[in-house]
Amino acid sequence: LTSVEEMKPVVLYVGRLVAHKKVEVLIDAFKSFQLKYQQSCLRILGGGVEEYRLSRLVDEFGLSEKVSFCGDLSRVEVLEEMTKADILVLPSLWESLSHVAIEAIAQGVPVVASDIPGLNEVLQDGHCALLVNPGDPVKLCKAMMNICCDPDLSETLVKNGKEKAKSMFSWDSNLPRLETVLNASQVISVRLVEN
């Protein structure tokens, strides 16, 4: 078993750097997280209007050695970053259907996210992710630590996440549903033409 001092968790954020994504909450949570996991790092993928303010916050917290702003990356590069991550964190105040969350669980990355519509429709707390109240860096940090200190929890989240991604978001699972919708629309079209 690896000791806390030897662990080098990679925390990942993927998304735009805009106000409602609440990346500053993640940075605040990471400030506490890295006190326990001293060899950890936070990689922030994406760009946006908040980047300057967030980089100033990182400097203010003395985290510039541990936090990397990676900018906008291609989908292939993002998936590559996900394979290196130990935790993906999505601290948003609101989301629509989160493709980042779906990609992360499909890639086998444990996810910590805000318990909000759009995320909690894809992720179930304790099943394939850990969900926390939005805007709470203390609970966000605790959830991140739970994943790092409990390999069984992490393994369960990964296993369940991969199963959920396969069952709900793969072509194999969606093709029959799409065929049903298309067939129903043909029946409706025929009825409309007949009338």
N, C-alpha and C. Protein backbone atom coordinates (compact mmCIF):
# COMPACT_ATOMS: atom_id res chain seq x y z
N LEU A 1 0.84 -1.19 0.00
CA LEU A 1 0.00 0.00 0.00
C LEU A 1 0.88 1.25 0.00
N THR A 2 0.56 2.20 -0.85
CA THR A 2 1.33 3.43 -0.96
C THR A 2 0.95 4.39 0.17
N SER A 3 1.96 4.98 0.80
CA SER A 3 1.68 5.95 1.86
C SER A 3 1.23 7.27 1.24
N VAL A 4 0.55 8.08 2.05
CA VAL A 4 0.08 9.39 1.58
C VAL A 4 1.25 10.23 1.07
N GLU A 5 2.38 10.14 1.74
CA GLU A 5 3.55 10.92 1.33
C GLU A 5 4.06 10.52 -0.04
N GLU A 6 3.87 9.25 -0.41
CA GLU A 6 4.37 8.76 -1.70
C GLU A 6 3.37 8.95 -2.84
N MET A 7 2.11 9.19 -2.51
CA MET A 7 1.09 9.32 -3.55
C MET A 7 1.29 10.61 -4.34
N LYS A 8 1.02 10.51 -5.64
CA LYS A 8 1.16 11.66 -6.54
C LYS A 8 -0.14 11.83 -7.34
N PRO A 9 -1.24 12.10 -6.66
CA PRO A 9 -2.51 12.19 -7.39
C PRO A 9 -2.54 13.34 -8.40
N VAL A 10 -3.06 13.03 -9.57
CA VAL A 10 -3.27 14.02 -10.61
C VAL A 10 -4.76 14.36 -10.61
N VAL A 11 -5.06 15.61 -10.28
CA VAL A 11 -6.43 16.11 -10.28
C VAL A 11 -6.62 16.87 -11.59
N LEU A 12 -7.74 16.59 -12.26
CA LEU A 12 -7.96 17.16 -13.59
C LEU A 12 -9.27 17.93 -13.63
N TYR A 13 -9.24 19.07 -14.30
CA TYR A 13 -10.45 19.81 -14.64
C TYR A 13 -10.44 19.99 -16.15
N VAL A 14 -11.59 19.74 -16.78
CA VAL A 14 -11.73 19.93 -18.22
C VAL A 14 -12.97 20.79 -18.45
N GLY A 15 -12.80 21.92 -19.10
CA GLY A 15 -13.95 22.78 -19.40
C GLY A 15 -13.53 24.21 -19.64
N ARG A 16 -14.51 25.00 -19.97
CA ARG A 16 -14.24 26.42 -20.19
C ARG A 16 -13.93 27.10 -18.86
N LEU A 17 -13.18 28.15 -18.92
CA LEU A 17 -12.86 28.93 -17.73
C LEU A 17 -13.76 30.15 -17.71
N VAL A 18 -14.99 29.91 -17.27
CA VAL A 18 -16.02 30.94 -17.16
C VAL A 18 -16.61 30.89 -15.76
N ALA A 19 -17.30 31.95 -15.36
CA ALA A 19 -17.73 32.11 -13.97
C ALA A 19 -18.56 30.94 -13.44
N HIS A 20 -19.55 30.45 -14.21
CA HIS A 20 -20.43 29.42 -13.66
C HIS A 20 -19.76 28.05 -13.50
N LYS A 21 -18.57 27.88 -14.05
CA LYS A 21 -17.84 26.61 -13.88
C LYS A 21 -17.19 26.52 -12.50
N LYS A 22 -17.04 27.65 -11.82
CA LYS A 22 -16.54 27.71 -10.43
C LYS A 22 -15.19 27.02 -10.23
N VAL A 23 -14.27 27.25 -11.15
CA VAL A 23 -12.94 26.66 -11.04
C VAL A 23 -12.22 27.17 -9.80
N GLU A 24 -12.57 28.38 -9.36
CA GLU A 24 -11.94 28.91 -8.15
C GLU A 24 -12.27 28.05 -6.92
N VAL A 25 -13.44 27.42 -6.92
CA VAL A 25 -13.81 26.52 -5.82
C VAL A 25 -12.89 25.30 -5.84
N LEU A 26 -12.60 24.78 -7.02
CA LEU A 26 -11.66 23.66 -7.15
C LEU A 26 -10.26 24.08 -6.68
N ILE A 27 -9.81 25.25 -7.09
CA ILE A 27 -8.48 25.72 -6.68
C ILE A 27 -8.42 25.85 -5.15
N ASP A 28 -9.47 26.38 -4.56
CA ASP A 28 -9.54 26.50 -3.10
C ASP A 28 -9.52 25.12 -2.44
N ALA A 29 -10.27 24.17 -3.00
CA ALA A 29 -10.28 22.80 -2.46
C ALA A 29 -8.90 22.16 -2.63
N PHE A 30 -8.27 22.40 -3.77
CA PHE A 30 -6.95 21.82 -4.02
C PHE A 30 -5.91 22.38 -3.06
N LYS A 31 -6.07 23.64 -2.64
CA LYS A 31 -5.15 24.24 -1.67
C LYS A 31 -5.08 23.38 -0.41
N SER A 32 -6.21 22.90 0.07
CA SER A 32 -6.24 22.02 1.25
C SER A 32 -5.81 20.60 0.90
N PHE A 33 -6.25 20.11 -0.25
CA PHE A 33 -5.93 18.75 -0.70
C PHE A 33 -4.43 18.54 -0.76
N GLN A 34 -3.72 19.51 -1.31
CA GLN A 34 -2.27 19.35 -1.52
C GLN A 34 -1.48 19.42 -0.22
N LEU A 35 -2.10 19.88 0.84
CA LEU A 35 -1.42 19.85 2.14
C LEU A 35 -1.25 18.41 2.63
N LYS A 36 -2.24 17.56 2.31
CA LYS A 36 -2.15 16.15 2.67
C LYS A 36 -1.40 15.36 1.60
N TYR A 37 -1.74 15.61 0.35
CA TYR A 37 -1.10 14.92 -0.78
C TYR A 37 -0.10 15.89 -1.40
N GLN A 38 1.08 15.97 -0.78
CA GLN A 38 2.03 17.03 -1.12
C GLN A 38 2.66 16.89 -2.50
N GLN A 39 2.57 15.70 -3.09
CA GLN A 39 3.13 15.52 -4.43
C GLN A 39 2.04 15.55 -5.51
N SER A 40 0.87 16.03 -5.14
CA SER A 40 -0.25 16.09 -6.09
C SER A 40 -0.08 17.27 -7.04
N CYS A 41 -0.85 17.22 -8.12
CA CYS A 41 -0.89 18.35 -9.05
C CYS A 41 -2.31 18.51 -9.57
N LEU A 42 -2.62 19.72 -9.99
CA LEU A 42 -3.91 20.05 -10.59
C LEU A 42 -3.65 20.52 -12.00
N ARG A 43 -4.30 19.86 -12.96
CA ARG A 43 -4.17 20.23 -14.37
C ARG A 43 -5.51 20.78 -14.84
N ILE A 44 -5.49 22.01 -15.32
CA ILE A 44 -6.70 22.69 -15.76
C ILE A 44 -6.66 22.79 -17.28
N LEU A 45 -7.58 22.07 -17.93
CA LEU A 45 -7.64 22.06 -19.39
C LEU A 45 -8.80 22.94 -19.85
N GLY A 46 -8.50 23.85 -20.74
CA GLY A 46 -9.53 24.75 -21.26
C GLY A 46 -9.09 26.19 -21.11
N GLY A 47 -9.77 27.05 -21.80
CA GLY A 47 -9.47 28.47 -21.74
C GLY A 47 -10.75 29.26 -21.55
N GLY A 48 -10.59 30.54 -21.33
CA GLY A 48 -11.77 31.39 -21.18
C GLY A 48 -11.45 32.68 -20.45
N VAL A 49 -12.49 33.48 -20.29
CA VAL A 49 -12.35 34.82 -19.74
C VAL A 49 -11.87 34.85 -18.29
N GLU A 50 -12.01 33.75 -17.57
CA GLU A 50 -11.60 33.70 -16.16
C GLU A 50 -10.14 33.28 -15.96
N GLU A 51 -9.44 32.95 -17.03
CA GLU A 51 -8.10 32.38 -16.88
C GLU A 51 -7.15 33.30 -16.12
N TYR A 52 -7.14 34.57 -16.45
CA TYR A 52 -6.22 35.49 -15.77
C TYR A 52 -6.53 35.55 -14.28
N ARG A 53 -7.80 35.72 -13.94
CA ARG A 53 -8.20 35.80 -12.53
C ARG A 53 -7.85 34.51 -11.79
N LEU A 54 -8.08 33.36 -12.42
CA LEU A 54 -7.77 32.08 -11.79
C LEU A 54 -6.27 31.89 -11.61
N SER A 55 -5.48 32.32 -12.59
CA SER A 55 -4.03 32.18 -12.45
C SER A 55 -3.50 33.10 -11.34
N ARG A 56 -4.12 34.26 -11.16
CA ARG A 56 -3.75 35.15 -10.05
C ARG A 56 -4.08 34.48 -8.71
N LEU A 57 -5.23 33.80 -8.65
CA LEU A 57 -5.63 33.10 -7.43
C LEU A 57 -4.64 31.98 -7.10
N VAL A 58 -4.21 31.26 -8.12
CA VAL A 58 -3.20 30.21 -7.93
C VAL A 58 -1.92 30.81 -7.36
N ASP A 59 -1.49 31.92 -7.91
CA ASP A 59 -0.29 32.61 -7.40
C ASP A 59 -0.50 33.06 -5.96
N GLU A 60 -1.66 33.64 -5.69
CA GLU A 60 -1.98 34.13 -4.34
C GLU A 60 -1.93 33.00 -3.31
N PHE A 61 -2.39 31.81 -3.70
CA PHE A 61 -2.39 30.65 -2.81
C PHE A 61 -1.02 29.95 -2.76
N GLY A 62 -0.06 30.42 -3.56
CA GLY A 62 1.27 29.80 -3.59
C GLY A 62 1.28 28.42 -4.22
N LEU A 63 0.42 28.24 -5.23
CA LEU A 63 0.27 26.91 -5.85
C LEU A 63 0.81 26.84 -7.27
N SER A 64 1.54 27.85 -7.71
CA SER A 64 1.97 27.89 -9.11
C SER A 64 2.85 26.72 -9.51
N GLU A 65 3.52 26.09 -8.55
CA GLU A 65 4.35 24.90 -8.85
C GLU A 65 3.49 23.65 -9.05
N LYS A 66 2.26 23.68 -8.57
CA LYS A 66 1.42 22.48 -8.57
C LYS A 66 0.21 22.56 -9.50
N VAL A 67 -0.11 23.75 -9.97
CA VAL A 67 -1.29 23.95 -10.81
C VAL A 67 -0.83 24.37 -12.20
N SER A 68 -1.30 23.64 -13.20
CA SER A 68 -0.94 23.94 -14.60
C SER A 68 -2.19 24.33 -15.38
N PHE A 69 -2.11 25.44 -16.09
CA PHE A 69 -3.15 25.85 -17.02
C PHE A 69 -2.69 25.37 -18.40
N CYS A 70 -3.37 24.40 -18.95
CA CYS A 70 -2.93 23.74 -20.18
C CYS A 70 -3.58 24.30 -21.44
N GLY A 71 -4.56 25.18 -21.30
CA GLY A 71 -5.21 25.77 -22.46
C GLY A 71 -6.17 24.80 -23.13
N ASP A 72 -6.63 25.20 -24.31
CA ASP A 72 -7.54 24.36 -25.08
C ASP A 72 -6.75 23.26 -25.77
N LEU A 73 -7.21 22.04 -25.61
CA LEU A 73 -6.55 20.88 -26.22
C LEU A 73 -7.52 20.18 -27.16
N SER A 74 -6.98 19.39 -28.07
CA SER A 74 -7.81 18.60 -28.96
C SER A 74 -8.50 17.49 -28.15
N ARG A 75 -9.52 16.89 -28.72
CA ARG A 75 -10.23 15.80 -28.04
C ARG A 75 -9.27 14.66 -27.72
N VAL A 76 -8.40 14.34 -28.64
CA VAL A 76 -7.42 13.26 -28.44
C VAL A 76 -6.51 13.60 -27.26
N GLU A 77 -6.04 14.86 -27.21
CA GLU A 77 -5.17 15.28 -26.10
C GLU A 77 -5.91 15.24 -24.77
N VAL A 78 -7.19 15.63 -24.77
CA VAL A 78 -7.99 15.59 -23.54
C VAL A 78 -8.13 14.15 -23.06
N LEU A 79 -8.44 13.24 -23.98
CA LEU A 79 -8.57 11.82 -23.59
C LEU A 79 -7.24 11.28 -23.06
N GLU A 80 -6.15 11.72 -23.64
CA GLU A 80 -4.83 11.31 -23.15
C GLU A 80 -4.59 11.84 -21.73
N GLU A 81 -4.98 13.07 -21.47
CA GLU A 81 -4.86 13.65 -20.13
C GLU A 81 -5.73 12.86 -19.13
N MET A 82 -6.91 12.44 -19.58
CA MET A 82 -7.79 11.68 -18.70
C MET A 82 -7.15 10.36 -18.28
N THR A 83 -6.41 9.73 -19.19
CA THR A 83 -5.78 8.45 -18.84
C THR A 83 -4.72 8.61 -17.76
N LYS A 84 -4.19 9.83 -17.60
CA LYS A 84 -3.16 10.10 -16.59
C LYS A 84 -3.75 10.59 -15.27
N ALA A 85 -5.05 10.91 -15.27
CA ALA A 85 -5.68 11.52 -14.10
C ALA A 85 -6.13 10.48 -13.08
N ASP A 86 -6.07 10.88 -11.82
CA ASP A 86 -6.59 10.05 -10.73
C ASP A 86 -7.99 10.48 -10.34
N ILE A 87 -8.32 11.74 -10.58
CA ILE A 87 -9.64 12.29 -10.26
C ILE A 87 -9.96 13.38 -11.27
N LEU A 88 -11.20 13.40 -11.75
CA LEU A 88 -11.69 14.51 -12.55
C LEU A 88 -12.69 15.27 -11.68
N VAL A 89 -12.56 16.59 -11.64
CA VAL A 89 -13.44 17.40 -10.80
C VAL A 89 -14.21 18.40 -11.67
N LEU A 90 -15.53 18.43 -11.44
CA LEU A 90 -16.42 19.35 -12.16
C LEU A 90 -17.22 20.14 -11.13
N PRO A 91 -16.74 21.34 -10.75
CA PRO A 91 -17.36 22.10 -9.67
C PRO A 91 -18.43 23.11 -10.10
N SER A 92 -19.05 22.90 -11.24
CA SER A 92 -19.97 23.88 -11.84
C SER A 92 -21.18 24.21 -10.98
N LEU A 93 -21.72 25.41 -11.23
CA LEU A 93 -23.00 25.81 -10.64
C LEU A 93 -24.17 25.30 -11.46
N TRP A 94 -23.97 25.18 -12.78
CA TRP A 94 -25.00 24.60 -13.65
C TRP A 94 -24.34 24.00 -14.88
N GLU A 95 -24.98 22.99 -15.42
CA GLU A 95 -24.49 22.27 -16.60
C GLU A 95 -25.68 21.76 -17.40
N SER A 96 -25.47 21.56 -18.67
CA SER A 96 -26.40 20.76 -19.45
C SER A 96 -25.83 19.34 -19.40
N LEU A 97 -26.18 18.50 -20.31
CA LEU A 97 -25.61 17.15 -20.33
C LEU A 97 -24.10 17.28 -20.47
N SER A 98 -23.36 16.72 -19.52
CA SER A 98 -21.91 16.91 -19.48
C SER A 98 -21.18 15.82 -20.25
N HIS A 99 -20.68 16.20 -21.43
CA HIS A 99 -19.89 15.25 -22.22
C HIS A 99 -18.58 14.92 -21.51
N VAL A 100 -18.03 15.88 -20.78
CA VAL A 100 -16.79 15.64 -20.04
C VAL A 100 -17.00 14.55 -18.99
N ALA A 101 -18.11 14.62 -18.26
CA ALA A 101 -18.41 13.59 -17.25
C ALA A 101 -18.57 12.22 -17.90
N ILE A 102 -19.26 12.18 -19.02
CA ILE A 102 -19.47 10.90 -19.73
C ILE A 102 -18.13 10.33 -20.21
N GLU A 103 -17.30 11.18 -20.81
CA GLU A 103 -15.98 10.72 -21.27
C GLU A 103 -15.14 10.22 -20.11
N ALA A 104 -15.19 10.93 -18.98
CA ALA A 104 -14.38 10.54 -17.83
C ALA A 104 -14.78 9.17 -17.29
N ILE A 105 -16.09 8.96 -17.10
CA ILE A 105 -16.50 7.65 -16.56
C ILE A 105 -16.22 6.55 -17.58
N ALA A 106 -16.36 6.86 -18.86
CA ALA A 106 -16.05 5.86 -19.90
C ALA A 106 -14.56 5.52 -19.90
N GLN A 107 -13.71 6.50 -19.57
CA GLN A 107 -12.27 6.29 -19.54
C GLN A 107 -11.80 5.68 -18.22
N GLY A 108 -12.71 5.54 -17.26
CA GLY A 108 -12.33 4.95 -15.98
C GLY A 108 -11.67 5.93 -15.03
N VAL A 109 -12.09 7.18 -15.09
CA VAL A 109 -11.56 8.19 -14.17
C VAL A 109 -12.62 8.46 -13.09
N PRO A 110 -12.27 8.32 -11.82
CA PRO A 110 -13.22 8.68 -10.76
C PRO A 110 -13.55 10.18 -10.85
N VAL A 111 -14.84 10.49 -10.64
CA VAL A 111 -15.31 11.86 -10.81
C VAL A 111 -15.87 12.39 -9.49
N VAL A 112 -15.51 13.64 -9.19
CA VAL A 112 -16.13 14.42 -8.12
C VAL A 112 -16.79 15.60 -8.82
N ALA A 113 -18.08 15.80 -8.55
CA ALA A 113 -18.81 16.84 -9.27
C ALA A 113 -19.85 17.49 -8.37
N SER A 114 -20.31 18.64 -8.81
CA SER A 114 -21.40 19.33 -8.11
C SER A 114 -22.69 18.53 -8.29
N ASP A 115 -23.49 18.51 -7.25
CA ASP A 115 -24.77 17.81 -7.28
C ASP A 115 -25.81 18.77 -7.85
N ILE A 116 -25.82 18.85 -9.18
CA ILE A 116 -26.70 19.77 -9.89
C ILE A 116 -27.31 19.06 -11.08
N PRO A 117 -28.47 19.53 -11.57
CA PRO A 117 -29.03 18.95 -12.80
C PRO A 117 -28.01 19.05 -13.93
N GLY A 118 -28.01 18.06 -14.79
CA GLY A 118 -27.03 17.99 -15.87
C GLY A 118 -25.88 17.10 -15.48
N LEU A 119 -25.44 17.20 -14.23
CA LEU A 119 -24.40 16.29 -13.74
C LEU A 119 -25.02 15.13 -12.98
N ASN A 120 -26.00 15.43 -12.10
CA ASN A 120 -26.60 14.33 -11.34
C ASN A 120 -27.56 13.48 -12.18
N GLU A 121 -27.81 13.90 -13.41
CA GLU A 121 -28.58 13.06 -14.33
C GLU A 121 -27.68 12.01 -14.99
N VAL A 122 -26.40 12.30 -15.04
CA VAL A 122 -25.42 11.36 -15.62
C VAL A 122 -24.73 10.56 -14.52
N LEU A 123 -24.45 11.22 -13.41
CA LEU A 123 -23.65 10.65 -12.33
C LEU A 123 -24.51 10.44 -11.08
N GLN A 124 -24.45 9.26 -10.49
CA GLN A 124 -25.16 9.02 -9.24
C GLN A 124 -24.15 8.99 -8.10
N ASP A 125 -24.46 9.73 -7.05
CA ASP A 125 -23.57 9.84 -5.91
C ASP A 125 -23.31 8.48 -5.27
N GLY A 126 -22.02 8.17 -5.11
CA GLY A 126 -21.62 6.91 -4.48
C GLY A 126 -21.68 5.72 -5.40
N HIS A 127 -22.25 5.89 -6.59
CA HIS A 127 -22.34 4.78 -7.55
C HIS A 127 -21.25 4.89 -8.61
N CYS A 128 -21.24 6.01 -9.33
CA CYS A 128 -20.21 6.19 -10.36
C CYS A 128 -19.49 7.53 -10.20
N ALA A 129 -19.77 8.24 -9.10
CA ALA A 129 -19.12 9.52 -8.82
C ALA A 129 -19.41 9.90 -7.37
N LEU A 130 -18.73 10.92 -6.90
CA LEU A 130 -19.07 11.54 -5.63
C LEU A 130 -19.58 12.93 -5.94
N LEU A 131 -20.78 13.24 -5.47
CA LEU A 131 -21.41 14.52 -5.73
C LEU A 131 -21.45 15.35 -4.45
N VAL A 132 -21.18 16.64 -4.60
CA VAL A 132 -21.15 17.54 -3.45
C VAL A 132 -21.97 18.79 -3.76
N ASN A 133 -22.34 19.51 -2.71
CA ASN A 133 -23.05 20.77 -2.91
C ASN A 133 -22.15 21.73 -3.69
N PRO A 134 -22.72 22.42 -4.68
CA PRO A 134 -21.89 23.36 -5.45
C PRO A 134 -21.39 24.50 -4.58
N GLY A 135 -20.18 24.95 -4.88
CA GLY A 135 -19.62 26.10 -4.19
C GLY A 135 -19.01 25.81 -2.83
N ASP A 136 -18.84 24.53 -2.48
CA ASP A 136 -18.33 24.17 -1.16
C ASP A 136 -16.94 23.52 -1.28
N PRO A 137 -15.87 24.32 -1.14
CA PRO A 137 -14.52 23.77 -1.31
C PRO A 137 -14.15 22.73 -0.25
N VAL A 138 -14.71 22.83 0.94
CA VAL A 138 -14.41 21.87 2.00
C VAL A 138 -14.94 20.49 1.64
N LYS A 139 -16.20 20.44 1.21
CA LYS A 139 -16.78 19.14 0.82
C LYS A 139 -16.14 18.61 -0.46
N LEU A 140 -15.78 19.51 -1.35
CA LEU A 140 -15.11 19.10 -2.59
C LEU A 140 -13.78 18.44 -2.25
N CYS A 141 -13.01 19.07 -1.37
CA CYS A 141 -11.72 18.52 -0.94
C CYS A 141 -11.90 17.17 -0.26
N LYS A 142 -12.89 17.07 0.61
CA LYS A 142 -13.14 15.81 1.33
C LYS A 142 -13.46 14.68 0.34
N ALA A 143 -14.28 14.97 -0.66
CA ALA A 143 -14.62 13.95 -1.66
C ALA A 143 -13.38 13.52 -2.45
N MET A 144 -12.53 14.49 -2.80
CA MET A 144 -11.29 14.17 -3.51
C MET A 144 -10.40 13.28 -2.64
N MET A 145 -10.30 13.61 -1.36
CA MET A 145 -9.49 12.81 -0.44
C MET A 145 -10.08 11.41 -0.26
N ASN A 146 -11.41 11.31 -0.22
CA ASN A 146 -12.04 9.99 -0.08
C ASN A 146 -11.65 9.07 -1.22
N ILE A 147 -11.60 9.61 -2.42
CA ILE A 147 -11.21 8.79 -3.57
C ILE A 147 -9.75 8.34 -3.44
N CYS A 148 -8.90 9.25 -3.01
CA CYS A 148 -7.47 8.92 -2.89
C CYS A 148 -7.18 7.94 -1.76
N CYS A 149 -7.88 8.07 -0.65
CA CYS A 149 -7.54 7.24 0.52
C CYS A 149 -8.32 5.94 0.57
N ASP A 150 -9.28 5.75 -0.33
CA ASP A 150 -10.09 4.53 -0.32
C ASP A 150 -10.05 3.86 -1.70
N PRO A 151 -9.05 2.97 -1.91
CA PRO A 151 -8.93 2.31 -3.22
C PRO A 151 -10.17 1.51 -3.60
N ASP A 152 -10.87 0.94 -2.61
CA ASP A 152 -12.09 0.18 -2.93
C ASP A 152 -13.17 1.11 -3.48
N LEU A 153 -13.32 2.28 -2.88
CA LEU A 153 -14.29 3.26 -3.37
C LEU A 153 -13.92 3.67 -4.79
N SER A 154 -12.66 4.01 -5.01
CA SER A 154 -12.21 4.42 -6.33
C SER A 154 -12.48 3.33 -7.37
N GLU A 155 -12.17 2.10 -7.02
CA GLU A 155 -12.39 0.97 -7.93
C GLU A 155 -13.88 0.79 -8.24
N THR A 156 -14.72 0.94 -7.23
CA THR A 156 -16.17 0.82 -7.43
C THR A 156 -16.69 1.91 -8.35
N LEU A 157 -16.25 3.14 -8.12
CA LEU A 157 -16.68 4.25 -8.97
C LEU A 157 -16.26 4.03 -10.42
N VAL A 158 -15.03 3.56 -10.61
CA VAL A 158 -14.53 3.29 -11.96
C VAL A 158 -15.34 2.19 -12.64
N LYS A 159 -15.53 1.08 -11.94
CA LYS A 159 -16.27 -0.06 -12.50
C LYS A 159 -17.70 0.35 -12.86
N ASN A 160 -18.38 0.98 -11.93
CA ASN A 160 -19.76 1.39 -12.18
C ASN A 160 -19.85 2.47 -13.25
N GLY A 161 -18.87 3.37 -13.28
CA GLY A 161 -18.86 4.41 -14.30
C GLY A 161 -18.70 3.84 -15.70
N LYS A 162 -17.79 2.90 -15.85
CA LYS A 162 -17.60 2.28 -17.17
C LYS A 162 -18.87 1.55 -17.61
N GLU A 163 -19.49 0.83 -16.68
CA GLU A 163 -20.73 0.11 -17.00
C GLU A 163 -21.83 1.08 -17.41
N LYS A 164 -21.96 2.18 -16.67
CA LYS A 164 -22.99 3.17 -16.99
C LYS A 164 -22.74 3.80 -18.36
N ALA A 165 -21.50 4.17 -18.63
CA ALA A 165 -21.17 4.77 -19.93
C ALA A 165 -21.50 3.81 -21.06
N LYS A 166 -21.17 2.54 -20.87
CA LYS A 166 -21.44 1.54 -21.91
C LYS A 166 -22.94 1.31 -22.08
N SER A 167 -23.67 1.24 -20.97
CA SER A 167 -25.10 0.92 -21.06
C SER A 167 -25.95 2.10 -21.52
N MET A 168 -25.52 3.32 -21.24
CA MET A 168 -26.36 4.47 -21.58
C MET A 168 -25.87 5.32 -22.74
N PHE A 169 -24.58 5.31 -23.01
CA PHE A 169 -24.05 6.28 -23.95
C PHE A 169 -23.30 5.66 -25.13
N SER A 170 -23.28 4.35 -25.24
CA SER A 170 -22.59 3.72 -26.38
C SER A 170 -23.56 3.62 -27.57
N TRP A 171 -22.99 3.46 -28.75
CA TRP A 171 -23.82 3.27 -29.94
C TRP A 171 -24.68 2.02 -29.80
N ASP A 172 -24.09 0.97 -29.25
CA ASP A 172 -24.83 -0.28 -29.10
C ASP A 172 -26.10 -0.11 -28.27
N SER A 173 -26.02 0.71 -27.22
CA SER A 173 -27.20 0.90 -26.38
C SER A 173 -28.17 1.92 -26.96
N ASN A 174 -27.67 2.86 -27.74
CA ASN A 174 -28.54 3.92 -28.26
C ASN A 174 -29.16 3.63 -29.61
N LEU A 175 -28.56 2.74 -30.39
CA LEU A 175 -29.09 2.44 -31.72
C LEU A 175 -30.52 1.91 -31.67
N PRO A 176 -30.84 0.95 -30.80
CA PRO A 176 -32.24 0.49 -30.75
C PRO A 176 -33.22 1.63 -30.38
N ARG A 177 -32.84 2.51 -29.49
CA ARG A 177 -33.70 3.64 -29.13
C ARG A 177 -33.88 4.59 -30.30
N LEU A 178 -32.81 4.83 -31.04
CA LEU A 178 -32.88 5.69 -32.21
C LEU A 178 -33.80 5.07 -33.27
N GLU A 179 -33.66 3.77 -33.48
CA GLU A 179 -34.52 3.09 -34.45
C GLU A 179 -35.99 3.20 -34.04
N THR A 180 -36.29 3.07 -32.76
CA THR A 180 -37.66 3.20 -32.27
C THR A 180 -38.20 4.58 -32.56
N VAL A 181 -37.40 5.62 -32.29
CA VAL A 181 -37.83 6.99 -32.54
C VAL A 181 -38.06 7.21 -34.04
N LEU A 182 -37.13 6.73 -34.87
CA LEU A 182 -37.27 6.92 -36.31
C LEU A 182 -38.49 6.18 -36.85
N ASN A 183 -38.70 4.96 -36.38
CA ASN A 183 -39.88 4.20 -36.82
C ASN A 183 -41.17 4.90 -36.39
N ALA A 184 -41.20 5.42 -35.18
CA ALA A 184 -42.38 6.14 -34.71
C ALA A 184 -42.62 7.39 -35.54
N SER A 185 -41.56 8.08 -35.92
CA SER A 185 -41.72 9.29 -36.71
C SER A 185 -42.23 8.96 -38.12
N GLN A 186 -41.83 7.81 -38.66
CA GLN A 186 -42.34 7.39 -39.97
C GLN A 186 -43.84 7.10 -39.89
N VAL A 187 -44.28 6.45 -38.82
CA VAL A 187 -45.70 6.16 -38.64
C VAL A 187 -46.49 7.45 -38.54
N ILE A 188 -45.98 8.41 -37.78
CA ILE A 188 -46.65 9.70 -37.64
C ILE A 188 -46.72 10.41 -38.99
N SER A 189 -45.61 10.37 -39.74
CA SER A 189 -45.57 11.01 -41.06
C SER A 189 -46.60 10.40 -41.99
N VAL A 190 -46.72 9.06 -42.00
CA VAL A 190 -47.68 8.37 -42.87
C VAL A 190 -49.09 8.76 -42.49
N ARG A 191 -49.37 8.82 -41.18
CA ARG A 191 -50.72 9.21 -40.73
C ARG A 191 -51.04 10.64 -41.12
N LEU A 192 -50.09 11.54 -41.03
CA LEU A 192 -50.31 12.91 -41.40
C LEU A 192 -50.60 13.04 -42.91
N VAL A 193 -49.86 12.28 -43.72
CA VAL A 193 -50.06 12.30 -45.17
C VAL A 193 -51.43 11.72 -45.53
N GLU A 194 -51.83 10.64 -44.83
CA GLU A 194 -53.12 10.00 -45.11
C GLU A 194 -54.28 10.91 -44.75
N ASN A 195 -54.12 11.76 -43.76
CA ASN A 195 -55.22 12.65 -43.34
C ASN A 195 -55.20 13.86 -44.22
